[in-house]
């Protein structure tokens, strides 16, 4: 079972993270820096009547390395896939397409989600995060 924790940072911290990601992406594109995030796993984000679901392809990532935080409408998922080791007897690597190292993904999710009831599961190389919609508050009865 993967834990989802509510973020302790405020809106300025979330904005700071977004700006850093934009700057890193821009500089990486120009070949000027090596980002802390060395790869970007593909993800799907969709909504049902009851919840928002984020599904991320993270084969080879250990659940213990995952850090999932929800702060208002910003969902942050970070983790690390350990570097590959050449198998015994390997004399040459001819092709290396699988990315390794740390990653971080930021998602903007709809407002009104119940972060305390969020749950996540890592299975078959996919991390699935379920973010239930908050129950509507009861109005004045009559």
Foldseek 3Di string as FASTA:
>chain_A
DADEEADPDAPVVVVVVVVVVVVVVVCVVVVNDCDQANDDWDWDWDDDPWWIKIKTQAPQWDSVQWYWYDYFQKIKIKGWRADDDDDPPDPDDDDDDDDGHIHMDIDGHDGQWDSVPKDWDQDPRMIMIITTGHDDDDDDDD
